[in-house]
All heavy atoms as atom14 arrays in JSON, in Angstrom:
{
  "sequence": "LRAIERAKPACAKERVRALLGNGAMVADVDRATARVSEVADEALRA",
  "atom14_mask": [
    [1, 1, 1, 1, 1, 1, 1, 1, 0, 0, 0, 0, 0, 0],
    [1, 1, 1, 1, 1, 1, 1, 1, 1, 1, 1, 0, 0, 0],
    [1, 1, 1, 1, 1, 0, 0, 0, 0, 0, 0, 0, 0, 0],
    [1, 1, 1, 1, 1, 1, 1, 1, 0, 0, 0, 0, 0, 0],
    [1, 1, 1, 1, 1, 1, 1, 1, 1, 0, 0, 0, 0, 0],
    [1, 1, 1, 1, 1, 1, 1, 1, 1, 1, 1, 0, 0, 0],
    [1, 1, 1, 1, 1, 0, 0, 0, 0, 0, 0, 0, 0, 0],
    [1, 1, 1, 1, 1, 1, 1, 1, 1, 0, 0, 0, 0, 0],
    [1, 1, 1, 1, 1, 1, 1, 0, 0, 0, 0, 0, 0, 0],
    [1, 1, 1, 1, 1, 0, 0, 0, 0, 0, 0, 0, 0, 0],
    [1, 1, 1, 1, 1, 1, 0, 0, 0, 0, 0, 0, 0, 0],
    [1, 1, 1, 1, 1, 0, 0, 0, 0, 0, 0, 0, 0, 0],
    [1, 1, 1, 1, 1, 1, 1, 1, 1, 0, 0, 0, 0, 0],
    [1, 1, 1, 1, 1, 1, 1, 1, 1, 0, 0, 0, 0, 0],
    [1, 1, 1, 1, 1, 1, 1, 1, 1, 1, 1, 0, 0, 0],
    [1, 1, 1, 1, 1, 1, 1, 0, 0, 0, 0, 0, 0, 0],
    [1, 1, 1, 1, 1, 1, 1, 1, 1, 1, 1, 0, 0, 0],
    [1, 1, 1, 1, 1, 0, 0, 0, 0, 0, 0, 0, 0, 0],
    [1, 1, 1, 1, 1, 1, 1, 1, 0, 0, 0, 0, 0, 0],
    [1, 1, 1, 1, 1, 1, 1, 1, 0, 0, 0, 0, 0, 0],
    [1, 1, 1, 1, 0, 0, 0, 0, 0, 0, 0, 0, 0, 0],
    [1, 1, 1, 1, 1, 1, 1, 1, 0, 0, 0, 0, 0, 0],
    [1, 1, 1, 1, 0, 0, 0, 0, 0, 0, 0, 0, 0, 0],
    [1, 1, 1, 1, 1, 0, 0, 0, 0, 0, 0, 0, 0, 0],
    [1, 1, 1, 1, 1, 1, 1, 1, 0, 0, 0, 0, 0, 0],
    [1, 1, 1, 1, 1, 1, 1, 0, 0, 0, 0, 0, 0, 0],
    [1, 1, 1, 1, 1, 0, 0, 0, 0, 0, 0, 0, 0, 0],
    [1, 1, 1, 1, 1, 1, 1, 1, 0, 0, 0, 0, 0, 0],
    [1, 1, 1, 1, 1, 1, 1, 0, 0, 0, 0, 0, 0, 0],
    [1, 1, 1, 1, 1, 1, 1, 1, 0, 0, 0, 0, 0, 0],
    [1, 1, 1, 1, 1, 1, 1, 1, 1, 1, 1, 0, 0, 0],
    [1, 1, 1, 1, 1, 0, 0, 0, 0, 0, 0, 0, 0, 0],
    [1, 1, 1, 1, 1, 1, 1, 0, 0, 0, 0, 0, 0, 0],
    [1, 1, 1, 1, 1, 0, 0, 0, 0, 0, 0, 0, 0, 0],
    [1, 1, 1, 1, 1, 1, 1, 1, 1, 1, 1, 0, 0, 0],
    [1, 1, 1, 1, 1, 1, 1, 0, 0, 0, 0, 0, 0, 0],
    [1, 1, 1, 1, 1, 1, 0, 0, 0, 0, 0, 0, 0, 0],
    [1, 1, 1, 1, 1, 1, 1, 1, 1, 0, 0, 0, 0, 0],
    [1, 1, 1, 1, 1, 1, 1, 0, 0, 0, 0, 0, 0, 0],
    [1, 1, 1, 1, 1, 0, 0, 0, 0, 0, 0, 0, 0, 0],
    [1, 1, 1, 1, 1, 1, 1, 1, 0, 0, 0, 0, 0, 0],
    [1, 1, 1, 1, 1, 1, 1, 1, 1, 0, 0, 0, 0, 0],
    [1, 1, 1, 1, 1, 0, 0, 0, 0, 0, 0, 0, 0, 0],
    [1, 1, 1, 1, 1, 1, 1, 1, 0, 0, 0, 0, 0, 0],
    [1, 1, 1, 1, 1, 1, 1, 1, 1, 1, 1, 0, 0, 0],
    [1, 1, 1, 1, 1, 0, 0, 0, 0, 0, 0, 0, 0, 0]
  ],
  "atom14_positions": [
    [[0.18, 9.22, -4.1], [0.71, 8.61, -2.88], [1.91, 7.74, -3.27], [3.04, 7.64, -2.58], [-0.34, 7.78, -2.15], [-1.38, 8.43, -1.35], [-2.51, 7.57, -0.93], [-0.64, 9.07, -0.06], [0.0, 0.0, 0.0], [0.0, 0.0, 0.0], [0.0, 0.0, 0.0], [0.0, 0.0, 0.0], [0.0, 0.0, 0.0], [0.0, 0.0, 0.0]],
    [[1.73, 6.9, -4.36], [2.94, 6.14, -4.74], [4.04, 6.92, -5.18], [5.25, 6.49, -4.84], [2.37, 5.19, -5.98], [1.33, 4.16, -5.43], [1.88, 3.26, -4.54], [0.98, 2.03, -4.33], [0.9, 1.2, -3.17], [1.91, 1.44, -2.33], [0.2, 0.27, -3.11], [0.0, 0.0, 0.0], [0.0, 0.0, 0.0], [0.0, 0.0, 0.0]],
    [[3.82, 7.97, -5.86], [5.01, 8.9, -6.28], [5.69, 9.46, -5.05], [6.88, 9.36, -4.96], [4.43, 10.04, -7.11], [0.0, 0.0, 0.0], [0.0, 0.0, 0.0], [0.0, 0.0, 0.0], [0.0, 0.0, 0.0], [0.0, 0.0, 0.0], [0.0, 0.0, 0.0], [0.0, 0.0, 0.0], [0.0, 0.0, 0.0], [0.0, 0.0, 0.0]],
    [[4.91, 9.88, -4.07], [5.6, 10.33, -2.79], [6.33, 9.31, -2.01], [7.32, 9.5, -1.48], [4.5, 10.97, -1.9], [3.87, 12.33, -2.6], [4.95, 11.41, -0.54], [2.67, 12.87, -2.05], [0.0, 0.0, 0.0], [0.0, 0.0, 0.0], [0.0, 0.0, 0.0], [0.0, 0.0, 0.0], [0.0, 0.0, 0.0], [0.0, 0.0, 0.0]],
    [[5.72, 8.07, -1.94], [6.32, 6.99, -1.33], [7.66, 6.65, -2.07], [8.64, 6.35, -1.27], [5.42, 5.9, -1.42], [6.04, 4.56, -0.66], [5.15, 3.31, -0.84], [3.84, 3.44, -1.34], [5.47, 2.26, -0.39], [0.0, 0.0, 0.0], [0.0, 0.0, 0.0], [0.0, 0.0, 0.0], [0.0, 0.0, 0.0], [0.0, 0.0, 0.0]],
    [[7.79, 6.79, -3.33], [9.09, 6.51, -3.96], [10.06, 7.59, -3.76], [11.25, 7.41, -3.52], [8.79, 6.26, -5.46], [8.0, 4.88, -5.67], [8.08, 4.62, -7.21], [7.67, 5.77, -8.06], [6.4, 6.01, -8.45], [5.42, 5.27, -7.95], [6.09, 7.03, -9.25], [0.0, 0.0, 0.0], [0.0, 0.0, 0.0], [0.0, 0.0, 0.0]],
    [[9.62, 8.87, -3.8], [10.41, 10.05, -3.62], [10.93, 10.13, -2.17], [12.13, 10.7, -2.06], [9.82, 11.19, -4.15], [0.0, 0.0, 0.0], [0.0, 0.0, 0.0], [0.0, 0.0, 0.0], [0.0, 0.0, 0.0], [0.0, 0.0, 0.0], [0.0, 0.0, 0.0], [0.0, 0.0, 0.0], [0.0, 0.0, 0.0], [0.0, 0.0, 0.0]],
    [[10.05, 9.8, -1.23], [10.48, 10.04, 0.09], [11.0, 11.32, 0.55], [12.1, 11.49, 1.15], [11.55, 8.93, 0.57], [11.06, 7.48, 0.42], [12.07, 6.56, 0.75], [11.62, 5.07, 0.79], [11.0, 4.63, -0.3], [0.0, 0.0, 0.0], [0.0, 0.0, 0.0], [0.0, 0.0, 0.0], [0.0, 0.0, 0.0], [0.0, 0.0, 0.0]],
    [[10.41, 12.46, 0.26], [10.69, 13.72, 0.69], [10.54, 13.86, 2.17], [9.65, 13.37, 2.86], [9.72, 14.67, -0.11], [8.51, 13.79, -0.38], [9.02, 12.48, -0.58], [0.0, 0.0, 0.0], [0.0, 0.0, 0.0], [0.0, 0.0, 0.0], [0.0, 0.0, 0.0], [0.0, 0.0, 0.0], [0.0, 0.0, 0.0], [0.0, 0.0, 0.0]],
    [[11.58, 14.53, 2.87], [11.61, 14.5, 4.25], [10.45, 15.34, 4.85], [10.26, 15.25, 6.07], [13.0, 14.97, 4.81], [0.0, 0.0, 0.0], [0.0, 0.0, 0.0], [0.0, 0.0, 0.0], [0.0, 0.0, 0.0], [0.0, 0.0, 0.0], [0.0, 0.0, 0.0], [0.0, 0.0, 0.0], [0.0, 0.0, 0.0], [0.0, 0.0, 0.0]],
    [[9.95, 16.2, 3.99], [8.88, 17.12, 4.52], [7.56, 16.68, 4.4], [6.52, 17.4, 4.87], [9.04, 18.59, 3.79], [8.93, 18.29, 1.92], [0.0, 0.0, 0.0], [0.0, 0.0, 0.0], [0.0, 0.0, 0.0], [0.0, 0.0, 0.0], [0.0, 0.0, 0.0], [0.0, 0.0, 0.0], [0.0, 0.0, 0.0], [0.0, 0.0, 0.0]],
    [[7.32, 15.51, 3.82], [5.9, 15.2, 3.3], [5.04, 14.54, 4.34], [3.81, 14.46, 4.17], [5.98, 14.33, 1.99], [0.0, 0.0, 0.0], [0.0, 0.0, 0.0], [0.0, 0.0, 0.0], [0.0, 0.0, 0.0], [0.0, 0.0, 0.0], [0.0, 0.0, 0.0], [0.0, 0.0, 0.0], [0.0, 0.0, 0.0], [0.0, 0.0, 0.0]],
    [[5.59, 13.92, 5.41], [4.74, 13.1, 6.24], [3.5, 13.78, 6.77], [2.37, 13.37, 6.66], [5.55, 12.5, 7.41], [4.75, 11.53, 8.19], [5.74, 10.67, 9.02], [5.99, 9.29, 8.29], [6.81, 8.44, 9.03], [0.0, 0.0, 0.0], [0.0, 0.0, 0.0], [0.0, 0.0, 0.0], [0.0, 0.0, 0.0], [0.0, 0.0, 0.0]],
    [[3.72, 15.04, 7.38], [2.69, 15.79, 7.95], [1.77, 16.25, 6.81], [0.45, 16.4, 7.02], [3.13, 16.92, 8.76], [3.86, 16.42, 10.03], [3.0, 15.53, 10.89], [1.67, 15.85, 10.99], [3.44, 14.57, 11.38], [0.0, 0.0, 0.0], [0.0, 0.0, 0.0], [0.0, 0.0, 0.0], [0.0, 0.0, 0.0], [0.0, 0.0, 0.0]],
    [[2.24, 16.57, 5.63], [1.41, 17.05, 4.54], [0.56, 15.97, 4.06], [-0.69, 16.24, 3.83], [2.32, 17.57, 3.4], [3.01, 18.86, 3.68], [2.19, 20.02, 3.75], [1.22, 20.13, 2.62], [1.6, 20.62, 1.45], [2.79, 21.17, 1.2], [0.58, 20.77, 0.5], [0.0, 0.0, 0.0], [0.0, 0.0, 0.0], [0.0, 0.0, 0.0]],
    [[1.0, 14.68, 4.02], [0.18, 13.6, 3.6], [-0.98, 13.42, 4.49], [-2.17, 13.26, 4.17], [1.09, 12.32, 3.44], [0.19, 11.09, 3.23], [2.01, 12.57, 2.28], [0.0, 0.0, 0.0], [0.0, 0.0, 0.0], [0.0, 0.0, 0.0], [0.0, 0.0, 0.0], [0.0, 0.0, 0.0], [0.0, 0.0, 0.0], [0.0, 0.0, 0.0]],
    [[-0.55, 13.39, 5.82], [-1.6, 13.29, 6.89], [-2.68, 14.33, 6.77], [-3.91, 13.99, 6.8], [-1.04, 13.36, 8.27], [-0.26, 12.07, 8.68], [0.09, 12.04, 10.1], [0.87, 10.83, 10.54], [1.96, 10.81, 10.94], [2.72, 11.85, 11.09], [2.5, 9.71, 11.33], [0.0, 0.0, 0.0], [0.0, 0.0, 0.0], [0.0, 0.0, 0.0]],
    [[-2.24, 15.52, 6.49], [-3.19, 16.79, 6.48], [-4.13, 16.68, 5.26], [-5.34, 16.98, 5.39], [-2.49, 18.09, 6.52], [0.0, 0.0, 0.0], [0.0, 0.0, 0.0], [0.0, 0.0, 0.0], [0.0, 0.0, 0.0], [0.0, 0.0, 0.0], [0.0, 0.0, 0.0], [0.0, 0.0, 0.0], [0.0, 0.0, 0.0], [0.0, 0.0, 0.0]],
    [[-3.58, 16.13, 4.09], [-4.32, 16.15, 2.89], [-5.16, 14.95, 2.83], [-6.08, 14.88, 1.84], [-3.4, 16.19, 1.75], [-2.71, 17.56, 1.56], [-1.66, 17.43, 0.43], [-3.69, 18.73, 1.21], [0.0, 0.0, 0.0], [0.0, 0.0, 0.0], [0.0, 0.0, 0.0], [0.0, 0.0, 0.0], [0.0, 0.0, 0.0], [0.0, 0.0, 0.0]],
    [[-4.99, 13.95, 3.59], [-5.77, 12.74, 3.5], [-6.83, 12.54, 4.66], [-6.79, 11.52, 5.31], [-4.86, 11.62, 3.38], [-4.16, 11.34, 2.09], [-3.27, 10.22, 2.18], [-5.18, 11.04, 1.0], [0.0, 0.0, 0.0], [0.0, 0.0, 0.0], [0.0, 0.0, 0.0], [0.0, 0.0, 0.0], [0.0, 0.0, 0.0], [0.0, 0.0, 0.0]],
    [[-7.55, 13.7, 4.96], [-8.57, 13.6, 5.96], [-9.59, 12.56, 5.64], [-10.39, 12.12, 6.45], [0.0, 0.0, 0.0], [0.0, 0.0, 0.0], [0.0, 0.0, 0.0], [0.0, 0.0, 0.0], [0.0, 0.0, 0.0], [0.0, 0.0, 0.0], [0.0, 0.0, 0.0], [0.0, 0.0, 0.0], [0.0, 0.0, 0.0], [0.0, 0.0, 0.0]],
    [[-9.81, 12.4, 4.32], [-10.89, 11.46, 3.78], [-10.11, 10.09, 3.37], [-10.36, 9.55, 2.39], [-11.58, 12.06, 2.64], [-10.54, 12.43, 1.55], [-9.27, 12.46, 1.72], [-10.9, 12.79, 0.33], [0.0, 0.0, 0.0], [0.0, 0.0, 0.0], [0.0, 0.0, 0.0], [0.0, 0.0, 0.0], [0.0, 0.0, 0.0], [0.0, 0.0, 0.0]],
    [[-9.46, 9.45, 4.32], [-8.75, 8.34, 4.05], [-9.57, 6.95, 3.89], [-9.05, 5.95, 3.61], [0.0, 0.0, 0.0], [0.0, 0.0, 0.0], [0.0, 0.0, 0.0], [0.0, 0.0, 0.0], [0.0, 0.0, 0.0], [0.0, 0.0, 0.0], [0.0, 0.0, 0.0], [0.0, 0.0, 0.0], [0.0, 0.0, 0.0], [0.0, 0.0, 0.0]],
    [[-10.94, 7.18, 3.96], [-11.8, 5.92, 3.67], [-12.26, 5.82, 2.29], [-13.04, 4.92, 1.96], [-13.03, 6.01, 4.65], [0.0, 0.0, 0.0], [0.0, 0.0, 0.0], [0.0, 0.0, 0.0], [0.0, 0.0, 0.0], [0.0, 0.0, 0.0], [0.0, 0.0, 0.0], [0.0, 0.0, 0.0], [0.0, 0.0, 0.0], [0.0, 0.0, 0.0]],
    [[-11.71, 6.61, 1.41], [-12.14, 6.55, 0.0], [-11.69, 5.17, -0.67], [-10.72, 4.51, -0.11], [-11.5, 7.59, -0.88], [-12.07, 9.0, -0.61], [-11.41, 10.21, -1.75], [-9.69, 10.03, -1.6], [0.0, 0.0, 0.0], [0.0, 0.0, 0.0], [0.0, 0.0, 0.0], [0.0, 0.0, 0.0], [0.0, 0.0, 0.0], [0.0, 0.0, 0.0]],
    [[-12.45, 4.72, -1.62], [-12.0, 3.51, -2.29], [-11.71, 3.87, -3.78], [-12.55, 4.53, -4.4], [-13.14, 2.41, -2.28], [-12.83, 1.33, -3.14], [-13.44, 2.17, -0.76], [0.0, 0.0, 0.0], [0.0, 0.0, 0.0], [0.0, 0.0, 0.0], [0.0, 0.0, 0.0], [0.0, 0.0, 0.0], [0.0, 0.0, 0.0], [0.0, 0.0, 0.0]],
    [[-10.47, 3.36, -4.23], [-10.12, 3.66, -5.54], [-10.33, 2.38, -6.48], [-10.0, 1.29, -6.08], [-8.58, 4.06, -5.54], [0.0, 0.0, 0.0], [0.0, 0.0, 0.0], [0.0, 0.0, 0.0], [0.0, 0.0, 0.0], [0.0, 0.0, 0.0], [0.0, 0.0, 0.0], [0.0, 0.0, 0.0], [0.0, 0.0, 0.0], [0.0, 0.0, 0.0]],
    [[-10.97, 2.65, -7.58], [-11.09, 1.57, -8.55], [-10.25, 1.87, -9.82], [-10.55, 2.66, -10.58], [-12.63, 1.41, -8.81], [-12.89, 0.25, -9.75], [-12.01, -0.47, -10.01], [-14.13, 0.07, -10.18], [0.0, 0.0, 0.0], [0.0, 0.0, 0.0], [0.0, 0.0, 0.0], [0.0, 0.0, 0.0], [0.0, 0.0, 0.0], [0.0, 0.0, 0.0]],
    [[-9.15, 1.07, -9.95], [-8.25, 1.23, -10.99], [-8.19, 0.07, -11.83], [-7.61, -0.98, -11.48], [-6.83, 1.72, -10.53], [-5.87, 2.0, -11.56], [-7.04, 2.77, -9.61], [0.0, 0.0, 0.0], [0.0, 0.0, 0.0], [0.0, 0.0, 0.0], [0.0, 0.0, 0.0], [0.0, 0.0, 0.0], [0.0, 0.0, 0.0], [0.0, 0.0, 0.0]],
    [[-8.64, 0.12, -13.07], [-8.7, -1.03, -14.01], [-9.0, -2.31, -13.34], [-8.38, -3.35, -13.42], [-7.22, -1.2, -14.61], [-6.81, -0.03, -15.48], [-7.75, 0.78, -15.84], [-5.65, 0.05, -15.74], [0.0, 0.0, 0.0], [0.0, 0.0, 0.0], [0.0, 0.0, 0.0], [0.0, 0.0, 0.0], [0.0, 0.0, 0.0], [0.0, 0.0, 0.0]],
    [[-10.18, -2.17, -12.76], [-10.88, -3.35, -12.0], [-10.17, -3.8, -10.78], [-10.54, -4.71, -10.15], [-10.95, -4.61, -13.08], [-11.97, -4.28, -14.17], [-12.0, -5.52, -15.04], [-12.79, -5.28, -16.37], [-13.07, -6.06, -17.2], [-12.53, -7.28, -17.18], [-13.77, -5.7, -18.34], [0.0, 0.0, 0.0], [0.0, 0.0, 0.0], [0.0, 0.0, 0.0]],
    [[-9.04, -3.23, -10.47], [-8.29, -3.64, -9.25], [-8.63, -2.55, -8.07], [-8.53, -1.38, -8.47], [-6.8, -3.63, -9.45], [0.0, 0.0, 0.0], [0.0, 0.0, 0.0], [0.0, 0.0, 0.0], [0.0, 0.0, 0.0], [0.0, 0.0, 0.0], [0.0, 0.0, 0.0], [0.0, 0.0, 0.0], [0.0, 0.0, 0.0], [0.0, 0.0, 0.0]],
    [[-9.08, -3.04, -7.06], [-9.58, -2.07, -6.05], [-8.48, -1.96, -4.96], [-8.08, -2.99, -4.42], [-10.93, -2.51, -5.55], [-11.92, -2.51, -6.64], [-11.46, -1.44, -4.48], [0.0, 0.0, 0.0], [0.0, 0.0, 0.0], [0.0, 0.0, 0.0], [0.0, 0.0, 0.0], [0.0, 0.0, 0.0], [0.0, 0.0, 0.0], [0.0, 0.0, 0.0]],
    [[-8.14, -0.81, -4.58], [-7.3, -0.6, -3.5], [-7.91, 0.51, -2.49], [-8.36, 1.52, -3.05], [-5.96, -0.19, -3.96], [0.0, 0.0, 0.0], [0.0, 0.0, 0.0], [0.0, 0.0, 0.0], [0.0, 0.0, 0.0], [0.0, 0.0, 0.0], [0.0, 0.0, 0.0], [0.0, 0.0, 0.0], [0.0, 0.0, 0.0], [0.0, 0.0, 0.0]],
    [[-7.93, 0.25, -1.27], [-8.24, 1.32, -0.35], [-7.24, 2.35, -0.29], [-6.03, 2.0, 0.03], [-8.61, 0.68, 1.02], [-9.85, -0.19, 0.95], [-10.12, -0.69, 2.42], [-10.28, 0.4, 3.31], [-11.47, 0.94, 3.51], [-12.55, 0.57, 2.73], [-11.73, 1.98, 4.39], [0.0, 0.0, 0.0], [0.0, 0.0, 0.0], [0.0, 0.0, 0.0]],
    [[-7.75, 3.63, -0.44], [-6.76, 4.75, -0.37], [-6.04, 4.72, 0.96], [-4.98, 5.18, 1.08], [-7.49, 5.99, -0.82], [-6.59, 7.17, -0.51], [-7.85, 6.12, -2.18], [0.0, 0.0, 0.0], [0.0, 0.0, 0.0], [0.0, 0.0, 0.0], [0.0, 0.0, 0.0], [0.0, 0.0, 0.0], [0.0, 0.0, 0.0], [0.0, 0.0, 0.0]],
    [[-6.85, 4.41, 2.0], [-6.34, 4.55, 3.35], [-5.2, 3.5, 3.49], [-4.23, 3.74, 4.17], [-7.44, 4.22, 4.4], [-8.03, 2.96, 4.09], [0.0, 0.0, 0.0], [0.0, 0.0, 0.0], [0.0, 0.0, 0.0], [0.0, 0.0, 0.0], [0.0, 0.0, 0.0], [0.0, 0.0, 0.0], [0.0, 0.0, 0.0], [0.0, 0.0, 0.0]],
    [[-5.34, 2.38, 2.82], [-4.24, 1.35, 3.0], [-2.91, 1.79, 2.2], [-1.93, 1.68, 2.78], [-4.63, 0.01, 2.37], [-5.75, -0.66, 3.24], [-6.35, -1.84, 2.41], [-5.88, -2.07, 1.37], [-7.23, -2.48, 3.04], [0.0, 0.0, 0.0], [0.0, 0.0, 0.0], [0.0, 0.0, 0.0], [0.0, 0.0, 0.0], [0.0, 0.0, 0.0]],
    [[-3.17, 2.5, 1.1], [-2.03, 2.99, 0.31], [-1.44, 4.14, 1.17], [-0.19, 4.24, 1.27], [-2.49, 3.37, -1.02], [-1.25, 4.05, -1.87], [-3.12, 2.35, -1.83], [0.0, 0.0, 0.0], [0.0, 0.0, 0.0], [0.0, 0.0, 0.0], [0.0, 0.0, 0.0], [0.0, 0.0, 0.0], [0.0, 0.0, 0.0], [0.0, 0.0, 0.0]],
    [[-2.16, 4.93, 1.66], [-1.74, 6.11, 2.53], [-0.83, 5.55, 3.66], [0.24, 6.05, 4.02], [-2.85, 6.9, 3.05], [0.0, 0.0, 0.0], [0.0, 0.0, 0.0], [0.0, 0.0, 0.0], [0.0, 0.0, 0.0], [0.0, 0.0, 0.0], [0.0, 0.0, 0.0], [0.0, 0.0, 0.0], [0.0, 0.0, 0.0], [0.0, 0.0, 0.0]],
    [[-1.31, 4.49, 4.4], [-0.63, 3.85, 5.51], [0.74, 3.37, 4.96], [1.73, 3.59, 5.69], [-1.34, 2.75, 6.11], [-2.64, 3.36, 6.9], [-2.64, 4.47, 7.2], [-3.45, 2.41, 7.18], [0.0, 0.0, 0.0], [0.0, 0.0, 0.0], [0.0, 0.0, 0.0], [0.0, 0.0, 0.0], [0.0, 0.0, 0.0], [0.0, 0.0, 0.0]],
    [[0.82, 2.78, 3.87], [1.96, 2.2, 3.35], [2.93, 3.39, 3.07], [4.25, 3.45, 3.33], [1.82, 1.45, 2.04], [1.16, 0.19, 2.31], [0.82, -0.51, 0.92], [1.44, -0.07, -0.02], [-0.01, -1.48, 0.94], [0.0, 0.0, 0.0], [0.0, 0.0, 0.0], [0.0, 0.0, 0.0], [0.0, 0.0, 0.0], [0.0, 0.0, 0.0]],
    [[2.51, 4.49, 2.41], [3.34, 5.71, 2.1], [3.79, 6.31, 3.35], [5.08, 6.63, 3.46], [2.58, 6.7, 1.33], [0.0, 0.0, 0.0], [0.0, 0.0, 0.0], [0.0, 0.0, 0.0], [0.0, 0.0, 0.0], [0.0, 0.0, 0.0], [0.0, 0.0, 0.0], [0.0, 0.0, 0.0], [0.0, 0.0, 0.0], [0.0, 0.0, 0.0]],
    [[3.0, 6.49, 4.27], [3.44, 7.01, 5.62], [4.41, 6.29, 6.33], [5.42, 6.83, 6.95], [2.21, 7.2, 6.54], [1.31, 8.47, 6.08], [0.0, 8.3, 6.92], [1.82, 9.73, 6.23], [0.0, 0.0, 0.0], [0.0, 0.0, 0.0], [0.0, 0.0, 0.0], [0.0, 0.0, 0.0], [0.0, 0.0, 0.0], [0.0, 0.0, 0.0]],
    [[4.43, 4.98, 6.27], [5.45, 4.09, 6.89], [6.74, 4.32, 6.12], [7.9, 4.16, 6.78], [5.1, 2.69, 6.84], [4.02, 2.32, 7.91], [3.88, 0.8, 8.13], [3.4, 0.13, 6.92], [2.1, -0.09, 6.61], [1.15, 0.4, 7.48], [1.71, -0.73, 5.55], [0.0, 0.0, 0.0], [0.0, 0.0, 0.0], [0.0, 0.0, 0.0]],
    [[6.8, 4.62, 4.85], [7.93, 4.72, 4.13], [8.61, 6.09, 4.19], [9.82, 6.1, 4.03], [7.69, 4.43, 2.55], [0.0, 0.0, 0.0], [0.0, 0.0, 0.0], [0.0, 0.0, 0.0], [0.0, 0.0, 0.0], [0.0, 0.0, 0.0], [0.0, 0.0, 0.0], [0.0, 0.0, 0.0], [0.0, 0.0, 0.0], [0.0, 0.0, 0.0]]
  ]
}
């Protein structure tokens, strides 16, 4: 998601929505927790 957010491909918005049907997952990265759905929302806005 972060890579797509930075690259900003014009074709990706619908693909991101389609691939993230499970947006309620929780990611635990080096003790820092981020909700995937929140990261997805940021990416979609960008």
